[in-house]
Amino acid sequence: MAVNRYQIGVDVGGTFTDLVCGDNEGSIHFEKTVTNRKDQAQGVLRGLSKLANRAGHDLAKFLDSVICAVMVRLLEEQGVHHRM
């Protein structure tokens, strides 16, 4: 049985948190959740839970299969710059 691996990208914005997930079979899924400015992790976790559900896993099993770090816009606000 092949093991699924996932790559996830996250953009935490002022209003919405956008997530994209790609797997080793070539499928790509998108999610959008509302950003909680006081606790930005809430929107990220809601989106990750939705992506996990689409993949047929609970959140813990899904995150165990993630091979790419999550980028959060907050890093940019603290002076970290990146290019894609």
PDB file of N, CA and C in Angstrom:
ATOM      1  N   MET A   1       0.837  -1.180   0.000  1.00  0.00           N
ATOM      2  CA  MET A   1       0.000   0.000   0.000  1.00  0.00           C
ATOM      3  C   MET A   1       0.883   1.244   0.000  1.00  0.00           C
ATOM      4  N   ALA A   2       0.637   2.152  -0.925  1.00  0.00           N
ATOM      5  CA  ALA A   2       1.425   3.377  -1.028  1.00  0.00           C
ATOM      6  C   ALA A   2       1.062   4.339   0.106  1.00  0.00           C
ATOM      7  N   VAL A   3       2.057   5.035   0.591  1.00  0.00           N
ATOM      8  CA  VAL A   3       1.850   6.022   1.647  1.00  0.00           C
ATOM      9  C   VAL A   3       1.654   7.388   1.002  1.00  0.00           C
ATOM     10  N   ASN A   4       0.560   8.057   1.360  1.00  0.00           N
ATOM     11  CA  ASN A   4       0.326   9.403   0.840  1.00  0.00           C
ATOM     12  C   ASN A   4       1.199  10.400   1.584  1.00  0.00           C
ATOM     13  N   ARG A   5       1.745  11.329   0.846  1.00  0.00           N
ATOM     14  CA  ARG A   5       2.509  12.441   1.410  1.00  0.00           C
ATOM     15  C   ARG A   5       1.862  13.718   0.911  1.00  0.00           C
ATOM     16  N   TYR A   6       1.838  14.722   1.761  1.00  0.00           N
ATOM     17  CA  TYR A   6       1.161  15.967   1.436  1.00  0.00           C
ATOM     18  C   TYR A   6       2.110  17.149   1.594  1.00  0.00           C
ATOM     19  N   GLN A   7       1.921  18.130   0.737  1.00  0.00           N
ATOM     20  CA  GLN A   7       2.617  19.410   0.851  1.00  0.00           C
ATOM     21  C   GLN A   7       1.547  20.471   1.060  1.00  0.00           C
ATOM     22  N   ILE A   8       1.776  21.325   2.038  1.00  0.00           N
ATOM     23  CA  ILE A   8       0.768  22.314   2.394  1.00  0.00           C
ATOM     24  C   ILE A   8       1.365  23.708   2.360  1.00  0.00           C
ATOM     25  N   GLY A   9       0.599  24.641   1.831  1.00  0.00           N
ATOM     26  CA  GLY A   9       0.952  26.057   1.882  1.00  0.00           C
ATOM     27  C   GLY A   9      -0.161  26.814   2.572  1.00  0.00           C
ATOM     28  N   VAL A  10       0.193  27.780   3.406  1.00  0.00           N
ATOM     29  CA  VAL A  10      -0.791  28.553   4.162  1.00  0.00           C
ATOM     30  C   VAL A  10      -0.469  30.035   4.032  1.00  0.00           C
ATOM     31  N   ASP A  11      -1.504  30.845   3.801  1.00  0.00           N
ATOM     32  CA  ASP A  11      -1.370  32.300   3.821  1.00  0.00           C
ATOM     33  C   ASP A  11      -2.397  32.841   4.799  1.00  0.00           C
ATOM     34  N   VAL A  12      -1.931  33.370   5.924  1.00  0.00           N
ATOM     35  CA  VAL A  12      -2.823  33.956   6.921  1.00  0.00           C
ATOM     36  C   VAL A  12      -2.959  35.434   6.598  1.00  0.00           C
ATOM     37  N   GLY A  13      -4.148  35.822   6.171  1.00  0.00           N
ATOM     38  CA  GLY A  13      -4.401  37.218   5.853  1.00  0.00           C
ATOM     39  C   GLY A  13      -5.211  37.881   6.947  1.00  0.00           C
ATOM     40  N   GLY A  14      -5.507  39.133   6.779  1.00  0.00           N
ATOM     41  CA  GLY A  14      -6.260  39.876   7.780  1.00  0.00           C
ATOM     42  C   GLY A  14      -7.704  39.444   7.896  1.00  0.00           C
ATOM     43  N   THR A  15      -8.283  38.917   6.808  1.00  0.00           N
ATOM     44  CA  THR A  15      -9.679  38.488   6.817  1.00  0.00           C
ATOM     45  C   THR A  15      -9.816  36.984   6.657  1.00  0.00           C
ATOM     46  N   PHE A  16      -9.055  36.412   5.731  1.00  0.00           N
ATOM     47  CA  PHE A  16      -9.152  34.982   5.455  1.00  0.00           C
ATOM     48  C   PHE A  16      -7.792  34.304   5.557  1.00  0.00           C
ATOM     49  N   THR A  17      -7.823  33.026   5.884  1.00  0.00           N
ATOM     50  CA  THR A  17      -6.658  32.158   5.854  1.00  0.00           C
ATOM     51  C   THR A  17      -6.855  31.207   4.686  1.00  0.00           C
ATOM     52  N   ASP A  18      -5.920  31.208   3.752  1.00  0.00           N
ATOM     53  CA  ASP A  18      -6.005  30.349   2.567  1.00  0.00           C
ATOM     54  C   ASP A  18      -5.011  29.210   2.709  1.00  0.00           C
ATOM     55  N   LEU A  19      -5.457  28.006   2.354  1.00  0.00           N
ATOM     56  CA  LEU A  19      -4.600  26.827   2.409  1.00  0.00           C
ATOM     57  C   LEU A  19      -4.657  26.102   1.079  1.00  0.00           C
ATOM     58  N   VAL A  20      -3.542  25.542   0.679  1.00  0.00           N
ATOM     59  CA  VAL A  20      -3.476  24.699  -0.509  1.00  0.00           C
ATOM     60  C   VAL A  20      -2.738  23.426  -0.112  1.00  0.00           C
ATOM     61  N   CYS A  21      -3.203  22.304  -0.644  1.00  0.00           N
ATOM     62  CA  CYS A  21      -2.613  21.014  -0.306  1.00  0.00           C
ATOM     63  C   CYS A  21      -2.444  20.200  -1.585  1.00  0.00           C
ATOM     64  N   GLY A  22      -1.242  19.693  -1.782  1.00  0.00           N
ATOM     65  CA  GLY A  22      -0.969  18.801  -2.901  1.00  0.00           C
ATOM     66  C   GLY A  22      -0.507  17.461  -2.369  1.00  0.00           C
ATOM     67  N   ASP A  23      -0.869  16.378  -3.058  1.00  0.00           N
ATOM     68  CA  ASP A  23      -0.408  15.059  -2.610  1.00  0.00           C
ATOM     69  C   ASP A  23       0.480  14.419  -3.660  1.00  0.00           C
ATOM     70  N   ASN A  24       1.061  13.278  -3.314  1.00  0.00           N
ATOM     71  CA  ASN A  24       1.997  12.607  -4.208  1.00  0.00           C
ATOM     72  C   ASN A  24       1.306  11.963  -5.403  1.00  0.00           C
ATOM     73  N   GLU A  25      -0.021  12.019  -5.464  1.00  0.00           N
ATOM     74  CA  GLU A  25      -0.754  11.500  -6.618  1.00  0.00           C
ATOM     75  C   GLU A  25      -1.134  12.611  -7.591  1.00  0.00           C
ATOM     76  N   GLY A  26      -0.781  13.858  -7.255  1.00  0.00           N
ATOM     77  CA  GLY A  26      -1.045  14.984  -8.139  1.00  0.00           C
ATOM     78  C   GLY A  26      -2.326  15.747  -7.863  1.00  0.00           C
ATOM     79  N   SER A  27      -3.078  15.359  -6.838  1.00  0.00           N
ATOM     80  CA  SER A  27      -4.305  16.081  -6.490  1.00  0.00           C
ATOM     81  C   SER A  27      -3.961  17.363  -5.744  1.00  0.00           C
ATOM     82  N   ILE A  28      -4.726  18.407  -6.006  1.00  0.00           N
ATOM     83  CA  ILE A  28      -4.550  19.685  -5.325  1.00  0.00           C
ATOM     84  C   ILE A  28      -5.900  20.124  -4.782  1.00  0.00           C
ATOM     85  N   HIS A  29      -5.913  20.548  -3.518  1.00  0.00           N
ATOM     86  CA  HIS A  29      -7.139  21.002  -2.862  1.00  0.00           C
ATOM     87  C   HIS A  29      -6.892  22.360  -2.225  1.00  0.00           C
ATOM     88  N   PHE A  30      -7.940  23.173  -2.182  1.00  0.00           N
ATOM     89  CA  PHE A  30      -7.871  24.507  -1.600  1.00  0.00           C
ATOM     90  C   PHE A  30      -8.913  24.629  -0.502  1.00  0.00           C
ATOM     91  N   GLU A  31      -8.590  25.406   0.517  1.00  0.00           N
ATOM     92  CA  GLU A  31      -9.541  25.735   1.588  1.00  0.00           C
ATOM     93  C   GLU A  31      -9.378  27.198   1.947  1.00  0.00           C
ATOM     94  N   LYS A  32     -10.448  27.804   2.390  1.00  0.00           N
ATOM     95  CA  LYS A  32     -10.439  29.196   2.856  1.00  0.00           C
ATOM     96  C   LYS A  32     -11.231  29.219   4.151  1.00  0.00           C
ATOM     97  N   THR A  33     -10.624  29.778   5.204  1.00  0.00           N
ATOM     98  CA  THR A  33     -11.296  29.914   6.485  1.00  0.00           C
ATOM     99  C   THR A  33     -11.169  31.359   6.952  1.00  0.00           C
ATOM    100  N   VAL A  34     -11.981  31.723   7.907  1.00  0.00           N
ATOM    101  CA  VAL A  34     -11.940  33.072   8.467  1.00  0.00           C
ATOM    102  C   VAL A  34     -10.751  33.179   9.420  1.00  0.00           C
ATOM    103  N   THR A  35     -10.010  34.275   9.323  1.00  0.00           N
ATOM    104  CA  THR A  35      -8.871  34.527  10.205  1.00  0.00           C
ATOM    105  C   THR A  35      -9.362  35.129  11.514  1.00  0.00           C
ATOM    106  N   ASN A  36      -8.877  34.595  12.612  1.00  0.00           N
ATOM    107  CA  ASN A  36      -9.105  35.181  13.923  1.00  0.00           C
ATOM    108  C   ASN A  36      -7.842  35.968  14.250  1.00  0.00           C
ATOM    109  N   ARG A  37      -7.930  37.277  14.236  1.00  0.00           N
ATOM    110  CA  ARG A  37      -6.727  38.109  14.418  1.00  0.00           C
ATOM    111  C   ARG A  37      -6.075  37.908  15.782  1.00  0.00           C
ATOM    112  N   LYS A  38      -6.852  37.552  16.786  1.00  0.00           N
ATOM    113  CA  LYS A  38      -6.294  37.356  18.129  1.00  0.00           C
ATOM    114  C   LYS A  38      -5.628  35.991  18.272  1.00  0.00           C
ATOM    115  N   ASP A  39      -6.057  35.022  17.466  1.00  0.00           N
ATOM    116  CA  ASP A  39      -5.470  33.676  17.513  1.00  0.00           C
ATOM    117  C   ASP A  39      -5.468  33.103  16.097  1.00  0.00           C
ATOM    118  N   GLN A  40      -4.450  33.444  15.322  1.00  0.00           N
ATOM    119  CA  GLN A  40      -4.393  33.056  13.916  1.00  0.00           C
ATOM    120  C   GLN A  40      -4.336  31.544  13.730  1.00  0.00           C
ATOM    121  N   ALA A  41      -3.884  30.821  14.737  1.00  0.00           N
ATOM    122  CA  ALA A  41      -3.809  29.359  14.638  1.00  0.00           C
ATOM    123  C   ALA A  41      -5.190  28.739  14.455  1.00  0.00           C
ATOM    124  N   GLN A  42      -6.244  29.379  14.956  1.00  0.00           N
ATOM    125  CA  GLN A  42      -7.592  28.826  14.819  1.00  0.00           C
ATOM    126  C   GLN A  42      -7.979  28.629  13.361  1.00  0.00           C
ATOM    127  N   GLY A  43      -7.741  29.645  12.532  1.00  0.00           N
ATOM    128  CA  GLY A  43      -8.071  29.530  11.113  1.00  0.00           C
ATOM    129  C   GLY A  43      -7.229  28.483  10.410  1.00  0.00           C
ATOM    130  N   VAL A  44      -5.951  28.412  10.783  1.00  0.00           N
ATOM    131  CA  VAL A  44      -5.059  27.407  10.190  1.00  0.00           C
ATOM    132  C   VAL A  44      -5.539  26.006  10.558  1.00  0.00           C
ATOM    133  N   LEU A  45      -5.835  25.786  11.825  1.00  0.00           N
ATOM    134  CA  LEU A  45      -6.280  24.459  12.266  1.00  0.00           C
ATOM    135  C   LEU A  45      -7.624  24.072  11.657  1.00  0.00           C
ATOM    136  N   ARG A  46      -8.547  25.043  11.514  1.00  0.00           N
ATOM    137  CA  ARG A  46      -9.829  24.749  10.849  1.00  0.00           C
ATOM    138  C   ARG A  46      -9.592  24.299   9.412  1.00  0.00           C
ATOM    139  N   GLY A  47      -8.738  25.021   8.697  1.00  0.00           N
ATOM    140  CA  GLY A  47      -8.450  24.665   7.311  1.00  0.00           C
ATOM    141  C   GLY A  47      -7.749  23.326   7.193  1.00  0.00           C
ATOM    142  N   LEU A  48      -6.787  23.066   8.078  1.00  0.00           N
ATOM    143  CA  LEU A  48      -6.094  21.777   8.060  1.00  0.00           C
ATOM    144  C   LEU A  48      -7.057  20.631   8.352  1.00  0.00           C
ATOM    145  N   SER A  49      -7.991  20.855   9.268  1.00  0.00           N
ATOM    146  CA  SER A  49      -8.987  19.816   9.574  1.00  0.00           C
ATOM    147  C   SER A  49      -9.850  19.507   8.355  1.00  0.00           C
ATOM    148  N   LYS A  50     -10.235  20.560   7.618  1.00  0.00           N
ATOM    149  CA  LYS A  50     -11.034  20.346   6.401  1.00  0.00           C
ATOM    150  C   LYS A  50     -10.229  19.582   5.346  1.00  0.00           C
ATOM    151  N   LEU A  51      -8.960  19.943   5.187  1.00  0.00           N
ATOM    152  CA  LEU A  51      -8.112  19.227   4.218  1.00  0.00           C
ATOM    153  C   LEU A  51      -7.917  17.775   4.635  1.00  0.00           C
ATOM    154  N   ALA A  52      -7.731  17.542   5.929  1.00  0.00           N
ATOM    155  CA  ALA A  52      -7.575  16.164   6.433  1.00  0.00           C
ATOM    156  C   ALA A  52      -8.828  15.351   6.148  1.00  0.00           C
ATOM    157  N   ASN A  53      -9.979  15.957   6.361  1.00  0.00           N
ATOM    158  CA  ASN A  53     -11.244  15.280   6.113  1.00  0.00           C
ATOM    159  C   ASN A  53     -11.370  14.884   4.646  1.00  0.00           C
ATOM    160  N   ARG A  54     -10.981  15.780   3.753  1.00  0.00           N
ATOM    161  CA  ARG A  54     -11.004  15.468   2.310  1.00  0.00           C
ATOM    162  C   ARG A  54     -10.096  14.292   1.978  1.00  0.00           C
ATOM    163  N   ALA A  55      -8.973  14.198   2.693  1.00  0.00           N
ATOM    164  CA  ALA A  55      -8.017  13.126   2.440  1.00  0.00           C
ATOM    165  C   ALA A  55      -8.426  11.823   3.129  1.00  0.00           C
ATOM    166  N   GLY A  56      -9.495  11.874   3.927  1.00  0.00           N
ATOM    167  CA  GLY A  56      -9.974  10.671   4.604  1.00  0.00           C
ATOM    168  C   GLY A  56      -9.192  10.334   5.862  1.00  0.00           C
ATOM    169  N   HIS A  57      -8.579  11.325   6.486  1.00  0.00           N
ATOM    170  CA  HIS A  57      -7.791  11.113   7.700  1.00  0.00           C
ATOM    171  C   HIS A  57      -8.298  12.016   8.815  1.00  0.00           C
ATOM    172  N   ASP A  58      -7.972  11.636  10.058  1.00  0.00           N
ATOM    173  CA  ASP A  58      -8.148  12.610  11.129  1.00  0.00           C
ATOM    174  C   ASP A  58      -6.954  13.556  11.070  1.00  0.00           C
ATOM    175  N   LEU A  59      -7.028  14.655  11.798  1.00  0.00           N
ATOM    176  CA  LEU A  59      -6.003  15.694  11.686  1.00  0.00           C
ATOM    177  C   LEU A  59      -4.619  15.172  12.068  1.00  0.00           C
ATOM    178  N   ALA A  60      -4.510  14.385  13.130  1.00  0.00           N
ATOM    179  CA  ALA A  60      -3.206  13.877  13.579  1.00  0.00           C
ATOM    180  C   ALA A  60      -2.562  13.002  12.512  1.00  0.00           C
ATOM    181  N   LYS A  61      -3.327  12.106  11.915  1.00  0.00           N
ATOM    182  CA  LYS A  61      -2.804  11.216  10.866  1.00  0.00           C
ATOM    183  C   LYS A  61      -2.385  12.032   9.645  1.00  0.00           C
ATOM    184  N   PHE A  62      -3.193  13.021   9.302  1.00  0.00           N
ATOM    185  CA  PHE A  62      -2.903  13.882   8.158  1.00  0.00           C
ATOM    186  C   PHE A  62      -1.597  14.639   8.370  1.00  0.00           C
ATOM    187  N   LEU A  63      -1.448  15.268   9.536  1.00  0.00           N
ATOM    188  CA  LEU A  63      -0.243  16.049   9.813  1.00  0.00           C
ATOM    189  C   LEU A  63       0.994  15.170   9.877  1.00  0.00           C
ATOM    190  N   ASP A  64       0.830  13.916  10.236  1.00  0.00           N
ATOM    191  CA  ASP A  64       1.948  12.974  10.245  1.00  0.00           C
ATOM    192  C   ASP A  64       2.477  12.745   8.832  1.00  0.00           C
ATOM    193  N   SER A  65       1.633  12.993   7.834  1.00  0.00           N
ATOM    194  CA  SER A  65       2.004  12.773   6.436  1.00  0.00           C
ATOM    195  C   SER A  65       2.478  14.037   5.732  1.00  0.00           C
ATOM    196  N   VAL A  66       2.477  15.168   6.423  1.00  0.00           N
ATOM    197  CA  VAL A  66       2.879  16.431   5.816  1.00  0.00           C
ATOM    198  C   VAL A  66       4.401  16.503   5.755  1.00  0.00           C
ATOM    199  N   ILE A  67       4.937  16.838   4.576  1.00  0.00           N
ATOM    200  CA  ILE A  67       6.393  16.875   4.406  1.00  0.00           C
ATOM    201  C   ILE A  67       6.927  18.274   4.156  1.00  0.00           C
ATOM    202  N   CYS A  68       6.048  19.257   4.198  1.00  0.00           N
ATOM    203  CA  CYS A  68       6.475  20.626   3.899  1.00  0.00           C
ATOM    204  C   CYS A  68       6.062  21.545   5.035  1.00  0.00           C
ATOM    205  N   ALA A  69       6.923  22.457   5.393  1.00  0.00           N
ATOM    206  CA  ALA A  69       6.618  23.397   6.477  1.00  0.00           C
ATOM    207  C   ALA A  69       5.523  24.363   6.065  1.00  0.00           C
ATOM    208  N   VAL A  70       4.803  24.848   7.028  1.00  0.00           N
ATOM    209  CA  VAL A  70       3.747  25.825   6.800  1.00  0.00           C
ATOM    210  C   VAL A  70       4.343  27.226   6.866  1.00  0.00           C
ATOM    211  N   MET A  71       4.050  28.048   5.842  1.00  0.00           N
ATOM    212  CA  MET A  71       4.502  29.440   5.848  1.00  0.00           C
ATOM    213  C   MET A  71       3.334  30.316   6.265  1.00  0.00           C
ATOM    214  N   VAL A  72       3.572  31.192   7.172  1.00  0.00           N
ATOM    215  CA  VAL A  72       2.528  32.071   7.680  1.00  0.00           C
ATOM    216  C   VAL A  72       2.936  33.513   7.419  1.00  0.00           C
ATOM    217  N   ARG A  73       1.968  34.313   6.996  1.00  0.00           N
ATOM    218  CA  ARG A  73       2.265  35.700   6.659  1.00  0.00           C
ATOM    219  C   ARG A  73       2.837  36.467   7.842  1.00  0.00           C
ATOM    220  N   LEU A  74       2.568  36.027   9.042  1.00  0.00           N
ATOM    221  CA  LEU A  74       3.105  36.687  10.218  1.00  0.00           C
ATOM    222  C   LEU A  74       4.623  36.789  10.149  1.00  0.00           C
ATOM    223  N   LEU A  75       5.280  35.802   9.565  1.00  0.00           N
ATOM    224  CA  LEU A  75       6.736  35.843   9.421  1.00  0.00           C
ATOM    225  C   LEU A  75       7.166  37.045   8.591  1.00  0.00           C
ATOM    226  N   GLU A  76       6.401  37.342   7.559  1.00  0.00           N
ATOM    227  CA  GLU A  76       6.724  38.495   6.726  1.00  0.00           C
ATOM    228  C   GLU A  76       6.650  39.784   7.540  1.00  0.00           C
ATOM    229  N   GLU A  77       5.668  39.868   8.411  1.00  0.00           N
ATOM    230  CA  GLU A  77       5.489  41.066   9.225  1.00  0.00           C
ATOM    231  C   GLU A  77       6.641  41.243  10.215  1.00  0.00           C
ATOM    232  N   GLN A  78       7.336  40.158  10.515  1.00  0.00           N
ATOM    233  CA  GLN A  78       8.461  40.235  11.442  1.00  0.00           C
ATOM    234  C   GLN A  78       9.791  40.378  10.703  1.00  0.00           C
ATOM    235  N   GLY A  79       9.736  40.626   9.408  1.00  0.00           N
ATOM    236  CA  GLY A  79      10.950  40.910   8.659  1.00  0.00           C
ATOM    237  C   GLY A  79      11.526  39.751   7.881  1.00  0.00           C
ATOM    238  N   VAL A  80      10.849  38.603   7.855  1.00  0.00           N
ATOM    239  CA  VAL A  80      11.332  37.466   7.072  1.00  0.00           C
ATOM    240  C   VAL A  80      10.765  37.596   5.665  1.00  0.00           C
ATOM    241  N   HIS A  81      11.634  37.563   4.672  1.00  0.00           N
ATOM    242  CA  HIS A  81      11.190  37.684   3.284  1.00  0.00           C
ATOM    243  C   HIS A  81      11.424  36.372   2.553  1.00  0.00           C
ATOM    244  N   HIS A  82      10.522  36.005   1.657  1.00  0.00           N
ATOM    245  CA  HIS A  82      10.674  34.784   0.876  1.00  0.00           C
ATOM    246  C   HIS A  82      10.208  35.040  -0.556  1.00  0.00           C
ATOM    247  N   ARG A  83      10.651  34.190  -1.434  1.00  0.00           N
ATOM    248  CA  ARG A  83      10.241  34.236  -2.830  1.00  0.00           C
ATOM    249  C   ARG A  83       9.781  32.861  -3.232  1.00  0.00           C
ATOM    250  N   MET A  84       8.743  32.830  -4.062  1.00  0.00           N
ATOM    251  CA  MET A  84       8.248  31.542  -4.533  1.00  0.00           C
ATOM    252  C   MET A  84       8.406  31.465  -6.029  1.00  0.00           C
TER     253      MET A  84
END
